[in-house]
Each structure stands twice: as structure tokens, then as C-alpha cells.
Amino acid sequence: MSRRSALSESAVLPGITAIILCGGRATRLGGIEKPMADLGGKSLLAHVIARLEPQVDSIVLSVGRNCPQYAGFGYPVVVDDEPDQGPLAGIVSALAVVDTPWTLTTPADTPFLPSNLVHALAPSCREHGAAVVSAGGHRQNLAMLLDERQVTALAEFYRTGGRAVHRWLVARGVEEVAFPEDGFLNINTPDDLALARLELDRRPND
């Protein structure tokens, strides 16, 4: 599996929908609705949306349970067809309302997504139909860009019993694109949230 620098190439793909995955249980944060956690006066989800809006054509919110707060963001909200089956269930459920040639997926707990996320993933997608983020040497399994053919393959993987996205990525040989680690800080614990607040203070324009 090869890797390429996120800064070496950029391209624009017409017709991209971002699926933001909001379905985690957040047990290490006391079971709160994690995407609504406050970071500098805005929810984590609001930060993610603000970073994605300039890069994609549409956004879909994939949620594990009904929560009226999601409707306030003005984007389609899709509840998992099969609850408690992990993030892949959320992706597949949300695909029912995606009608663009390209699909970007990302968790709702990564508030510092890079502004060149799509541009950096696009060259690999043009060549192979799929690309996944690697940040700090670690593959970010839920941050990927797929064409329609790869989306169909992912949905079929789920339909036939697959649940672990990383297994599908490895089996398909999806290329990793390297990014700086600080763009993919995941908020899973109170310490992570405290670190994100410090990071936000360090980024006065964010």
C-alpha cells in the first residue's frame, strides 16, 4: 500500500457529498451527544461542517439515534437503519440519500480537518477510485473519499456481513494519503477535549 504527500498534488472532483458520522456512543465522555460537545463556543459538529462546506457540494449527517439538535444544522439527517452496528452501518444508511459521483466520509469528532482534505485525496481517487487519510503514520479509517464503484463495493461488503471498515480498506488495497497529525485530532475523552481547546486557542483564526 503506497502513501503520497497531501501537499504534492491537488485536484477538484465535481459532485462530492460529505457524510459526517455522528453515531458514536461517547462512553468516555459520559454518554453525551458527542458532536454537540462545546469547543470554543461552537459544537464539534459545527467546526467539522465549517471546514467541509467549502470543499464539498452537499453534506449528510449520519446519526445513531434521533436527536432534534441535528435538524438545526439544515442538512439531511439519516438515522442508522441497523443501530449498534458501528460506523459502517451509518455510512451505508446515509448512502441512500447520496446522489453525487463522489462520497467523502469523516467522523464528527475531528474539528480541525485540513482545508485541503478533498484536494489532497482527489488525485488518488481519480486513479484508483478511493483514498483514505493517514495522519501521523496512522490510517484514519473513517476519513476517506470514494467514487461510485467503490461505494457500491463498500455497501456490498456490509451487506455480506462486513462491519470493520479497516478490513475493507486493506482488502481493497486503498491508497493512503499522508496528512499532518494535528488535522485529525479525535475527541474521545475529556483530556482530548481539553487538548482541542488548547489547540483552538493556538489557532486564532479557527
N, C-alpha and C. Protein backbone atom coordinates (compact mmCIF):
# COMPACT_ATOMS: atom_id res chain seq x y z
N MET A 1 0.86 -1.20 0.00
CA MET A 1 0.00 0.00 0.00
C MET A 1 0.89 1.24 0.00
N SER A 2 0.75 2.09 -0.97
CA SER A 2 1.62 3.26 -1.07
C SER A 2 1.03 4.46 -0.36
N ARG A 3 1.91 5.44 -0.08
CA ARG A 3 1.46 6.68 0.51
C ARG A 3 2.00 7.82 -0.33
N ARG A 4 1.25 8.92 -0.38
CA ARG A 4 1.75 10.08 -1.08
C ARG A 4 1.50 11.31 -0.22
N SER A 5 2.29 12.34 -0.41
CA SER A 5 2.17 13.54 0.40
C SER A 5 0.88 14.27 0.08
N ALA A 6 0.20 14.77 1.13
CA ALA A 6 -1.02 15.53 0.93
C ALA A 6 -0.76 16.87 0.27
N LEU A 7 0.49 17.32 0.28
CA LEU A 7 0.78 18.64 -0.26
C LEU A 7 1.32 18.58 -1.69
N SER A 8 1.54 17.38 -2.22
CA SER A 8 2.21 17.27 -3.51
C SER A 8 1.27 17.45 -4.69
N GLU A 9 -0.01 17.13 -4.52
CA GLU A 9 -0.94 17.20 -5.63
C GLU A 9 -2.28 17.75 -5.14
N SER A 10 -3.03 18.33 -6.03
CA SER A 10 -4.41 18.72 -5.72
C SER A 10 -5.23 18.64 -6.98
N ALA A 11 -6.50 18.37 -6.80
CA ALA A 11 -7.42 18.31 -7.93
C ALA A 11 -8.81 18.53 -7.40
N VAL A 12 -9.70 18.91 -8.27
CA VAL A 12 -11.08 19.13 -7.87
C VAL A 12 -11.94 18.08 -8.56
N LEU A 13 -12.80 17.46 -7.78
CA LEU A 13 -13.72 16.47 -8.33
C LEU A 13 -15.13 17.07 -8.33
N PRO A 14 -15.85 16.97 -9.43
CA PRO A 14 -17.21 17.51 -9.46
C PRO A 14 -18.18 16.58 -8.75
N GLY A 15 -19.00 17.12 -7.89
CA GLY A 15 -20.07 16.35 -7.27
C GLY A 15 -19.62 15.51 -6.11
N ILE A 16 -19.43 16.13 -4.96
CA ILE A 16 -18.98 15.41 -3.76
C ILE A 16 -19.98 15.63 -2.62
N THR A 17 -20.42 14.54 -2.01
CA THR A 17 -21.23 14.61 -0.79
C THR A 17 -20.38 14.15 0.39
N ALA A 18 -20.38 14.91 1.45
CA ALA A 18 -19.70 14.52 2.69
C ALA A 18 -20.70 13.88 3.64
N ILE A 19 -20.41 12.68 4.08
CA ILE A 19 -21.19 12.03 5.14
C ILE A 19 -20.43 12.23 6.44
N ILE A 20 -21.03 12.96 7.36
CA ILE A 20 -20.41 13.19 8.66
C ILE A 20 -21.01 12.19 9.64
N LEU A 21 -20.15 11.38 10.24
CA LEU A 21 -20.59 10.29 11.10
C LEU A 21 -20.73 10.77 12.54
N CYS A 22 -21.97 10.79 13.01
CA CYS A 22 -22.30 11.34 14.33
C CYS A 22 -22.82 10.28 15.30
N GLY A 23 -22.59 9.01 14.99
CA GLY A 23 -23.31 7.96 15.71
C GLY A 23 -22.63 7.34 16.90
N GLY A 24 -21.44 7.79 17.29
CA GLY A 24 -20.74 7.16 18.41
C GLY A 24 -21.45 7.35 19.74
N ARG A 25 -21.21 6.40 20.66
CA ARG A 25 -21.88 6.44 21.96
C ARG A 25 -21.19 7.37 22.96
N ALA A 26 -19.93 7.73 22.74
CA ALA A 26 -19.20 8.67 23.61
C ALA A 26 -19.19 8.22 25.06
N THR A 27 -18.94 6.94 25.30
CA THR A 27 -18.95 6.42 26.67
C THR A 27 -17.86 7.07 27.52
N ARG A 28 -16.73 7.40 26.90
CA ARG A 28 -15.63 8.02 27.67
C ARG A 28 -15.87 9.49 27.94
N LEU A 29 -16.95 10.03 27.36
CA LEU A 29 -17.34 11.41 27.66
C LEU A 29 -18.68 11.43 28.41
N GLY A 30 -18.97 10.34 29.08
CA GLY A 30 -20.18 10.28 29.90
C GLY A 30 -21.45 10.02 29.14
N GLY A 31 -21.33 9.53 27.89
CA GLY A 31 -22.52 9.20 27.11
C GLY A 31 -23.24 10.40 26.53
N ILE A 32 -22.57 11.56 26.43
CA ILE A 32 -23.20 12.74 25.86
C ILE A 32 -23.35 12.58 24.35
N GLU A 33 -24.11 13.46 23.74
CA GLU A 33 -24.18 13.51 22.27
C GLU A 33 -22.91 14.21 21.82
N LYS A 34 -21.87 13.43 21.58
CA LYS A 34 -20.52 13.98 21.41
C LYS A 34 -20.42 15.07 20.35
N PRO A 35 -21.05 14.95 19.18
CA PRO A 35 -20.92 16.02 18.20
C PRO A 35 -21.40 17.38 18.70
N MET A 36 -22.20 17.38 19.78
CA MET A 36 -22.70 18.64 20.33
C MET A 36 -21.80 19.20 21.43
N ALA A 37 -20.72 18.51 21.75
CA ALA A 37 -19.81 19.00 22.79
C ALA A 37 -19.25 20.37 22.39
N ASP A 38 -19.13 21.24 23.36
CA ASP A 38 -18.70 22.62 23.10
C ASP A 38 -17.19 22.71 22.91
N LEU A 39 -16.80 23.42 21.88
CA LEU A 39 -15.40 23.75 21.64
C LEU A 39 -15.32 25.19 21.19
N GLY A 40 -14.93 26.06 22.11
CA GLY A 40 -14.81 27.48 21.80
C GLY A 40 -16.11 28.14 21.43
N GLY A 41 -17.20 27.71 22.06
CA GLY A 41 -18.50 28.33 21.81
C GLY A 41 -19.26 27.73 20.63
N LYS A 42 -18.69 26.74 19.97
CA LYS A 42 -19.38 26.03 18.88
C LYS A 42 -19.29 24.54 19.14
N SER A 43 -20.26 23.81 18.63
CA SER A 43 -20.21 22.36 18.78
C SER A 43 -19.10 21.77 17.91
N LEU A 44 -18.66 20.56 18.28
CA LEU A 44 -17.69 19.87 17.43
C LEU A 44 -18.22 19.74 16.01
N LEU A 45 -19.49 19.39 15.90
CA LEU A 45 -20.09 19.22 14.58
C LEU A 45 -20.06 20.52 13.78
N ALA A 46 -20.32 21.63 14.42
CA ALA A 46 -20.28 22.92 13.72
C ALA A 46 -18.88 23.20 13.17
N HIS A 47 -17.86 22.84 13.93
CA HIS A 47 -16.48 23.01 13.44
C HIS A 47 -16.24 22.15 12.21
N VAL A 48 -16.68 20.89 12.26
CA VAL A 48 -16.48 19.99 11.13
C VAL A 48 -17.21 20.50 9.89
N ILE A 49 -18.45 20.91 10.08
CA ILE A 49 -19.23 21.43 8.95
C ILE A 49 -18.56 22.66 8.33
N ALA A 50 -18.08 23.56 9.17
CA ALA A 50 -17.44 24.78 8.67
C ALA A 50 -16.22 24.46 7.82
N ARG A 51 -15.51 23.39 8.16
CA ARG A 51 -14.31 23.01 7.41
C ARG A 51 -14.66 22.28 6.12
N LEU A 52 -15.78 21.59 6.11
CA LEU A 52 -16.15 20.82 4.93
C LEU A 52 -16.94 21.63 3.91
N GLU A 53 -17.74 22.58 4.36
CA GLU A 53 -18.63 23.30 3.43
C GLU A 53 -17.91 23.88 2.21
N PRO A 54 -16.71 24.46 2.36
CA PRO A 54 -16.05 24.99 1.16
C PRO A 54 -15.49 23.91 0.23
N GLN A 55 -15.46 22.66 0.70
CA GLN A 55 -14.78 21.61 -0.06
C GLN A 55 -15.72 20.64 -0.78
N VAL A 56 -17.02 20.66 -0.42
CA VAL A 56 -17.94 19.66 -0.98
C VAL A 56 -19.20 20.35 -1.50
N ASP A 57 -20.01 19.58 -2.22
CA ASP A 57 -21.24 20.12 -2.79
C ASP A 57 -22.44 19.94 -1.88
N SER A 58 -22.42 18.91 -1.05
CA SER A 58 -23.53 18.66 -0.13
C SER A 58 -23.02 17.89 1.08
N ILE A 59 -23.83 17.90 2.13
CA ILE A 59 -23.47 17.26 3.40
C ILE A 59 -24.67 16.47 3.90
N VAL A 60 -24.40 15.29 4.45
CA VAL A 60 -25.41 14.46 5.08
C VAL A 60 -24.91 14.11 6.48
N LEU A 61 -25.79 14.19 7.47
CA LEU A 61 -25.44 13.84 8.84
C LEU A 61 -25.95 12.43 9.13
N SER A 62 -25.04 11.54 9.44
CA SER A 62 -25.38 10.16 9.78
C SER A 62 -25.39 10.02 11.29
N VAL A 63 -26.55 9.68 11.86
CA VAL A 63 -26.70 9.65 13.32
C VAL A 63 -27.17 8.27 13.77
N GLY A 64 -26.78 7.92 15.00
CA GLY A 64 -27.17 6.62 15.54
C GLY A 64 -28.52 6.63 16.21
N ARG A 65 -29.00 7.82 16.56
CA ARG A 65 -30.28 7.93 17.25
C ARG A 65 -30.88 9.30 16.95
N ASN A 66 -32.18 9.38 17.05
CA ASN A 66 -32.84 10.66 16.81
C ASN A 66 -32.44 11.67 17.87
N CYS A 67 -32.09 12.84 17.42
CA CYS A 67 -31.75 13.95 18.33
C CYS A 67 -32.15 15.24 17.62
N PRO A 68 -33.08 16.00 18.18
CA PRO A 68 -33.61 17.17 17.47
C PRO A 68 -32.56 18.23 17.15
N GLN A 69 -31.44 18.21 17.88
CA GLN A 69 -30.42 19.24 17.63
C GLN A 69 -29.83 19.15 16.22
N TYR A 70 -29.78 17.96 15.66
CA TYR A 70 -29.16 17.81 14.34
C TYR A 70 -29.94 18.53 13.25
N ALA A 71 -31.23 18.58 13.38
CA ALA A 71 -32.05 19.24 12.35
C ALA A 71 -31.70 20.72 12.22
N GLY A 72 -31.20 21.30 13.30
CA GLY A 72 -30.87 22.72 13.29
C GLY A 72 -29.72 23.10 12.38
N PHE A 73 -28.96 22.11 11.91
CA PHE A 73 -27.83 22.42 11.03
C PHE A 73 -28.25 22.58 9.58
N GLY A 74 -29.49 22.21 9.26
CA GLY A 74 -30.01 22.45 7.93
C GLY A 74 -29.59 21.46 6.86
N TYR A 75 -29.05 20.32 7.27
CA TYR A 75 -28.65 19.29 6.33
C TYR A 75 -29.47 18.02 6.55
N PRO A 76 -29.59 17.17 5.54
CA PRO A 76 -30.32 15.91 5.74
C PRO A 76 -29.73 15.10 6.89
N VAL A 77 -30.60 14.53 7.69
CA VAL A 77 -30.19 13.70 8.83
C VAL A 77 -30.71 12.28 8.58
N VAL A 78 -29.81 11.31 8.61
CA VAL A 78 -30.18 9.92 8.36
C VAL A 78 -29.84 9.10 9.60
N VAL A 79 -30.86 8.46 10.18
CA VAL A 79 -30.64 7.59 11.33
C VAL A 79 -30.26 6.19 10.83
N ASP A 80 -29.32 5.54 11.49
CA ASP A 80 -28.87 4.22 11.08
C ASP A 80 -30.04 3.26 10.91
N ASP A 81 -30.07 2.57 9.79
CA ASP A 81 -31.11 1.55 9.58
C ASP A 81 -30.96 0.39 10.57
N GLU A 82 -29.71 0.06 10.91
CA GLU A 82 -29.42 -1.01 11.84
C GLU A 82 -28.58 -0.46 12.98
N PRO A 83 -29.21 -0.07 14.09
CA PRO A 83 -28.46 0.54 15.19
C PRO A 83 -27.42 -0.41 15.78
N ASP A 84 -26.39 0.20 16.37
CA ASP A 84 -25.36 -0.55 17.11
C ASP A 84 -24.56 -1.50 16.24
N GLN A 85 -24.44 -1.18 14.95
CA GLN A 85 -23.63 -2.00 14.05
C GLN A 85 -22.34 -1.29 13.62
N GLY A 86 -22.04 -0.19 14.30
CA GLY A 86 -20.79 0.50 14.01
C GLY A 86 -20.92 1.56 12.94
N PRO A 87 -19.82 2.29 12.68
CA PRO A 87 -19.88 3.41 11.74
C PRO A 87 -20.18 3.00 10.31
N LEU A 88 -19.81 1.77 9.93
CA LEU A 88 -20.11 1.35 8.56
C LEU A 88 -21.61 1.30 8.31
N ALA A 89 -22.37 0.93 9.33
CA ALA A 89 -23.84 0.94 9.19
C ALA A 89 -24.33 2.37 8.93
N GLY A 90 -23.70 3.34 9.58
CA GLY A 90 -24.08 4.72 9.35
C GLY A 90 -23.75 5.19 7.94
N ILE A 91 -22.59 4.78 7.46
CA ILE A 91 -22.21 5.16 6.09
C ILE A 91 -23.20 4.57 5.09
N VAL A 92 -23.47 3.28 5.21
CA VAL A 92 -24.36 2.61 4.26
C VAL A 92 -25.77 3.19 4.33
N SER A 93 -26.27 3.47 5.51
CA SER A 93 -27.60 4.07 5.64
C SER A 93 -27.65 5.43 4.96
N ALA A 94 -26.62 6.24 5.16
CA ALA A 94 -26.60 7.59 4.58
C ALA A 94 -26.48 7.57 3.07
N LEU A 95 -25.89 6.52 2.52
CA LEU A 95 -25.73 6.44 1.07
C LEU A 95 -27.05 6.47 0.33
N ALA A 96 -28.13 6.13 1.02
CA ALA A 96 -29.45 6.14 0.39
C ALA A 96 -29.86 7.52 -0.09
N VAL A 97 -29.27 8.58 0.48
CA VAL A 97 -29.64 9.94 0.07
C VAL A 97 -28.50 10.64 -0.66
N VAL A 98 -27.45 9.91 -0.98
CA VAL A 98 -26.32 10.49 -1.73
C VAL A 98 -26.56 10.28 -3.22
N ASP A 99 -26.47 11.36 -4.01
CA ASP A 99 -26.69 11.25 -5.45
C ASP A 99 -25.56 11.92 -6.24
N THR A 100 -24.38 12.02 -5.63
CA THR A 100 -23.22 12.60 -6.31
C THR A 100 -22.24 11.49 -6.69
N PRO A 101 -21.35 11.75 -7.65
CA PRO A 101 -20.41 10.72 -8.10
C PRO A 101 -19.35 10.36 -7.06
N TRP A 102 -19.13 11.25 -6.10
CA TRP A 102 -18.06 11.04 -5.12
C TRP A 102 -18.62 11.21 -3.71
N THR A 103 -18.11 10.41 -2.78
CA THR A 103 -18.56 10.47 -1.39
C THR A 103 -17.36 10.57 -0.47
N LEU A 104 -17.39 11.58 0.38
CA LEU A 104 -16.37 11.76 1.42
C LEU A 104 -16.98 11.35 2.75
N THR A 105 -16.24 10.62 3.56
CA THR A 105 -16.72 10.29 4.91
C THR A 105 -15.75 10.82 5.94
N THR A 106 -16.28 11.25 7.06
CA THR A 106 -15.43 11.73 8.15
C THR A 106 -16.21 11.69 9.45
N PRO A 107 -15.55 11.44 10.58
CA PRO A 107 -16.24 11.49 11.87
C PRO A 107 -16.60 12.93 12.25
N ALA A 108 -17.53 13.05 13.17
CA ALA A 108 -17.95 14.37 13.66
C ALA A 108 -17.06 14.88 14.79
N ASP A 109 -16.05 14.09 15.18
CA ASP A 109 -15.23 14.49 16.32
C ASP A 109 -13.82 14.90 15.92
N THR A 110 -13.65 15.35 14.67
CA THR A 110 -12.35 15.83 14.19
C THR A 110 -12.47 17.30 13.79
N PRO A 111 -12.43 18.21 14.75
CA PRO A 111 -12.79 19.61 14.49
C PRO A 111 -11.75 20.41 13.71
N PHE A 112 -10.56 19.85 13.48
CA PHE A 112 -9.51 20.60 12.80
C PHE A 112 -9.17 20.03 11.41
N LEU A 113 -10.16 19.49 10.74
CA LEU A 113 -9.93 18.92 9.42
C LEU A 113 -9.21 19.92 8.51
N PRO A 114 -8.25 19.44 7.72
CA PRO A 114 -7.50 20.36 6.86
C PRO A 114 -8.35 20.93 5.73
N SER A 115 -8.02 22.14 5.35
CA SER A 115 -8.77 22.82 4.30
C SER A 115 -8.48 22.22 2.92
N ASN A 116 -7.42 21.43 2.80
CA ASN A 116 -7.09 20.80 1.52
C ASN A 116 -7.42 19.32 1.51
N LEU A 117 -8.33 18.90 2.38
CA LEU A 117 -8.65 17.47 2.52
C LEU A 117 -9.06 16.86 1.17
N VAL A 118 -10.06 17.44 0.53
CA VAL A 118 -10.56 16.90 -0.73
C VAL A 118 -9.51 17.03 -1.83
N HIS A 119 -8.86 18.18 -1.92
CA HIS A 119 -7.87 18.39 -2.97
C HIS A 119 -6.74 17.38 -2.88
N ALA A 120 -6.34 17.03 -1.67
CA ALA A 120 -5.23 16.10 -1.50
C ALA A 120 -5.64 14.65 -1.78
N LEU A 121 -6.88 14.30 -1.47
CA LEU A 121 -7.35 12.94 -1.72
C LEU A 121 -7.75 12.72 -3.18
N ALA A 122 -8.09 13.79 -3.86
CA ALA A 122 -8.66 13.67 -5.20
C ALA A 122 -7.77 12.96 -6.21
N PRO A 123 -6.46 13.24 -6.28
CA PRO A 123 -5.64 12.56 -7.31
C PRO A 123 -5.70 11.04 -7.20
N SER A 124 -5.63 10.53 -5.99
CA SER A 124 -5.71 9.08 -5.79
C SER A 124 -7.06 8.56 -6.21
N CYS A 125 -8.11 9.32 -5.92
CA CYS A 125 -9.46 8.88 -6.28
C CYS A 125 -9.63 8.84 -7.80
N ARG A 126 -9.08 9.81 -8.48
CA ARG A 126 -9.18 9.80 -9.93
C ARG A 126 -8.52 8.54 -10.50
N GLU A 127 -7.42 8.13 -9.89
CA GLU A 127 -6.65 7.00 -10.41
C GLU A 127 -7.21 5.65 -9.96
N HIS A 128 -7.61 5.57 -8.69
CA HIS A 128 -7.98 4.28 -8.11
C HIS A 128 -9.43 4.18 -7.64
N GLY A 129 -10.11 5.32 -7.56
CA GLY A 129 -11.50 5.30 -7.10
C GLY A 129 -11.67 5.43 -5.61
N ALA A 130 -10.56 5.46 -4.86
CA ALA A 130 -10.66 5.55 -3.41
C ALA A 130 -9.35 6.03 -2.83
N ALA A 131 -9.43 6.73 -1.70
CA ALA A 131 -8.25 7.13 -0.94
C ALA A 131 -8.67 7.30 0.51
N VAL A 132 -7.74 7.01 1.41
CA VAL A 132 -8.00 7.13 2.84
C VAL A 132 -6.88 7.95 3.47
N VAL A 133 -7.21 8.68 4.52
CA VAL A 133 -6.25 9.54 5.20
C VAL A 133 -5.31 8.72 6.08
N SER A 134 -4.04 9.11 6.07
CA SER A 134 -3.07 8.65 7.07
C SER A 134 -2.55 9.91 7.75
N ALA A 135 -2.63 9.95 9.07
CA ALA A 135 -2.18 11.14 9.81
C ALA A 135 -1.21 10.71 10.91
N GLY A 136 -0.02 11.27 10.88
CA GLY A 136 0.97 10.88 11.86
C GLY A 136 1.35 9.41 11.77
N GLY A 137 1.25 8.83 10.58
CA GLY A 137 1.59 7.43 10.40
C GLY A 137 0.48 6.46 10.74
N HIS A 138 -0.70 6.98 11.09
CA HIS A 138 -1.83 6.12 11.46
C HIS A 138 -2.97 6.32 10.46
N ARG A 139 -3.46 5.23 9.92
CA ARG A 139 -4.58 5.32 8.98
C ARG A 139 -5.84 5.74 9.72
N GLN A 140 -6.53 6.73 9.18
CA GLN A 140 -7.80 7.22 9.73
C GLN A 140 -8.92 6.53 8.95
N ASN A 141 -9.37 5.39 9.45
CA ASN A 141 -10.23 4.51 8.66
C ASN A 141 -11.53 5.15 8.19
N LEU A 142 -12.02 6.14 8.91
CA LEU A 142 -13.32 6.73 8.58
C LEU A 142 -13.19 8.02 7.78
N ALA A 143 -11.97 8.42 7.45
CA ALA A 143 -11.76 9.63 6.65
C ALA A 143 -11.31 9.21 5.26
N MET A 144 -12.26 9.05 4.35
CA MET A 144 -11.94 8.53 3.03
C MET A 144 -12.82 9.18 1.96
N LEU A 145 -12.32 9.11 0.73
CA LEU A 145 -13.04 9.63 -0.42
C LEU A 145 -13.20 8.48 -1.41
N LEU A 146 -14.43 8.27 -1.89
CA LEU A 146 -14.75 7.12 -2.73
C LEU A 146 -15.55 7.53 -3.96
N ASP A 147 -15.31 6.83 -5.07
CA ASP A 147 -16.18 7.01 -6.22
C ASP A 147 -17.36 6.05 -6.13
N GLU A 148 -18.26 6.10 -7.11
CA GLU A 148 -19.49 5.30 -7.04
C GLU A 148 -19.20 3.80 -7.05
N ARG A 149 -18.18 3.40 -7.78
CA ARG A 149 -17.85 1.97 -7.84
C ARG A 149 -17.38 1.47 -6.47
N GLN A 150 -16.54 2.25 -5.82
CA GLN A 150 -16.03 1.84 -4.51
C GLN A 150 -17.13 1.93 -3.44
N VAL A 151 -18.01 2.90 -3.58
CA VAL A 151 -19.15 2.99 -2.67
C VAL A 151 -20.01 1.73 -2.76
N THR A 152 -20.26 1.28 -3.99
CA THR A 152 -21.04 0.06 -4.19
C THR A 152 -20.34 -1.14 -3.56
N ALA A 153 -19.02 -1.21 -3.71
CA ALA A 153 -18.26 -2.32 -3.12
C ALA A 153 -18.31 -2.27 -1.60
N LEU A 154 -18.25 -1.07 -1.02
CA LEU A 154 -18.32 -0.95 0.43
C LEU A 154 -19.69 -1.38 0.96
N ALA A 155 -20.75 -0.96 0.26
CA ALA A 155 -22.10 -1.35 0.67
C ALA A 155 -22.29 -2.86 0.57
N GLU A 156 -21.71 -3.48 -0.46
CA GLU A 156 -21.81 -4.92 -0.62
C GLU A 156 -21.04 -5.64 0.49
N PHE A 157 -19.90 -5.10 0.87
CA PHE A 157 -19.13 -5.65 1.99
C PHE A 157 -19.98 -5.67 3.26
N TYR A 158 -20.70 -4.58 3.50
CA TYR A 158 -21.57 -4.52 4.67
C TYR A 158 -22.73 -5.52 4.54
N ARG A 159 -23.32 -5.58 3.36
CA ARG A 159 -24.48 -6.45 3.15
C ARG A 159 -24.13 -7.92 3.39
N THR A 160 -22.89 -8.29 3.10
CA THR A 160 -22.47 -9.68 3.26
C THR A 160 -21.84 -9.96 4.61
N GLY A 161 -22.04 -9.03 5.57
CA GLY A 161 -21.62 -9.28 6.93
C GLY A 161 -20.41 -8.52 7.42
N GLY A 162 -19.75 -7.78 6.54
CA GLY A 162 -18.58 -7.00 6.96
C GLY A 162 -18.99 -5.83 7.85
N ARG A 163 -18.22 -5.58 8.87
CA ARG A 163 -18.52 -4.47 9.77
C ARG A 163 -17.31 -3.57 10.02
N ALA A 164 -16.10 -4.09 9.88
CA ALA A 164 -14.89 -3.31 10.17
C ALA A 164 -14.39 -2.63 8.90
N VAL A 165 -14.45 -1.31 8.89
CA VAL A 165 -14.03 -0.55 7.71
C VAL A 165 -12.57 -0.83 7.37
N HIS A 166 -11.72 -0.99 8.40
CA HIS A 166 -10.30 -1.18 8.11
C HIS A 166 -10.06 -2.48 7.34
N ARG A 167 -10.89 -3.50 7.57
CA ARG A 167 -10.72 -4.75 6.82
C ARG A 167 -11.04 -4.54 5.34
N TRP A 168 -12.05 -3.75 5.07
CA TRP A 168 -12.39 -3.45 3.67
C TRP A 168 -11.28 -2.65 3.02
N LEU A 169 -10.74 -1.66 3.72
CA LEU A 169 -9.66 -0.84 3.16
C LEU A 169 -8.44 -1.68 2.81
N VAL A 170 -8.08 -2.59 3.70
CA VAL A 170 -6.93 -3.44 3.46
C VAL A 170 -7.19 -4.40 2.31
N ALA A 171 -8.38 -5.00 2.30
CA ALA A 171 -8.72 -5.96 1.25
C ALA A 171 -8.73 -5.30 -0.13
N ARG A 172 -9.16 -4.04 -0.20
CA ARG A 172 -9.22 -3.34 -1.48
C ARG A 172 -7.90 -2.68 -1.85
N GLY A 173 -6.94 -2.67 -0.90
CA GLY A 173 -5.66 -2.01 -1.17
C GLY A 173 -5.80 -0.52 -1.37
N VAL A 174 -6.70 0.11 -0.60
CA VAL A 174 -6.96 1.54 -0.77
C VAL A 174 -5.71 2.34 -0.38
N GLU A 175 -5.33 3.25 -1.24
CA GLU A 175 -4.12 4.05 -1.03
C GLU A 175 -4.30 5.04 0.11
N GLU A 176 -3.25 5.18 0.91
CA GLU A 176 -3.24 6.15 2.00
C GLU A 176 -2.59 7.45 1.53
N VAL A 177 -3.17 8.56 1.93
CA VAL A 177 -2.62 9.88 1.64
C VAL A 177 -2.22 10.52 2.95
N ALA A 178 -0.96 10.94 3.06
CA ALA A 178 -0.42 11.42 4.33
C ALA A 178 -0.77 12.88 4.59
N PHE A 179 -1.22 13.12 5.82
CA PHE A 179 -1.54 14.47 6.31
C PHE A 179 -0.83 14.70 7.64
N PRO A 180 -0.65 15.96 8.03
CA PRO A 180 -0.15 16.24 9.38
C PRO A 180 -1.12 15.71 10.43
N GLU A 181 -0.56 15.27 11.53
CA GLU A 181 -1.38 14.63 12.56
C GLU A 181 -2.37 15.59 13.20
N ASP A 182 -2.01 16.88 13.31
CA ASP A 182 -2.86 17.81 14.08
C ASP A 182 -4.19 18.09 13.39
N GLY A 183 -4.34 17.72 12.13
CA GLY A 183 -5.61 17.92 11.46
C GLY A 183 -6.64 16.86 11.78
N PHE A 184 -6.22 15.80 12.47
CA PHE A 184 -7.12 14.68 12.73
C PHE A 184 -7.12 14.29 14.20
N LEU A 185 -7.13 15.32 15.05
CA LEU A 185 -7.29 15.10 16.48
C LEU A 185 -8.72 14.62 16.74
N ASN A 186 -8.85 13.39 17.21
CA ASN A 186 -10.17 12.82 17.53
C ASN A 186 -10.51 13.13 18.98
N ILE A 187 -11.73 13.56 19.23
CA ILE A 187 -12.17 13.87 20.59
C ILE A 187 -12.91 12.67 21.16
N ASN A 188 -12.23 11.92 22.03
CA ASN A 188 -12.84 10.73 22.63
C ASN A 188 -12.95 10.79 24.14
N THR A 189 -12.15 11.62 24.77
CA THR A 189 -12.09 11.69 26.23
C THR A 189 -12.11 13.15 26.68
N PRO A 190 -12.36 13.40 27.98
CA PRO A 190 -12.26 14.78 28.48
C PRO A 190 -10.88 15.38 28.24
N ASP A 191 -9.83 14.56 28.33
CA ASP A 191 -8.48 15.08 28.06
C ASP A 191 -8.34 15.50 26.60
N ASP A 192 -8.93 14.74 25.69
CA ASP A 192 -8.89 15.12 24.28
C ASP A 192 -9.59 16.46 24.06
N LEU A 193 -10.71 16.64 24.73
CA LEU A 193 -11.46 17.88 24.58
C LEU A 193 -10.66 19.05 25.13
N ALA A 194 -9.99 18.84 26.27
CA ALA A 194 -9.15 19.90 26.83
C ALA A 194 -8.00 20.23 25.89
N LEU A 195 -7.41 19.21 25.27
CA LEU A 195 -6.33 19.43 24.31
C LEU A 195 -6.84 20.20 23.10
N ALA A 196 -8.04 19.87 22.65
CA ALA A 196 -8.61 20.57 21.50
C ALA A 196 -8.86 22.04 21.82
N ARG A 197 -9.24 22.33 23.04
CA ARG A 197 -9.45 23.73 23.43
C ARG A 197 -8.13 24.49 23.42
N LEU A 198 -7.07 23.84 23.86
CA LEU A 198 -5.75 24.48 23.79
C LEU A 198 -5.34 24.69 22.33
N GLU A 199 -5.61 23.69 21.51
CA GLU A 199 -5.27 23.79 20.09
C GLU A 199 -6.06 24.91 19.43
N LEU A 200 -7.31 25.07 19.79
CA LEU A 200 -8.14 26.14 19.22
C LEU A 200 -7.57 27.51 19.60
N ASP A 201 -7.11 27.63 20.85
CA ASP A 201 -6.51 28.88 21.30
C ASP A 201 -5.25 29.21 20.49
N ARG A 202 -4.58 28.14 20.05
CA ARG A 202 -3.37 28.32 19.26
C ARG A 202 -3.67 28.71 17.82
N ARG A 203 -4.94 28.56 17.42
CA ARG A 203 -5.37 28.86 16.05
C ARG A 203 -6.39 30.00 16.10
N PRO A 204 -5.95 31.22 16.27
CA PRO A 204 -6.90 32.33 16.49
C PRO A 204 -7.88 32.54 15.36
N ASN A 205 -7.57 32.07 14.15
CA ASN A 205 -8.47 32.29 13.02
C ASN A 205 -9.48 31.18 12.83
N ASP A 206 -9.42 30.10 13.66
CA ASP A 206 -10.34 28.96 13.52
C ASP A 206 -11.60 29.18 14.33
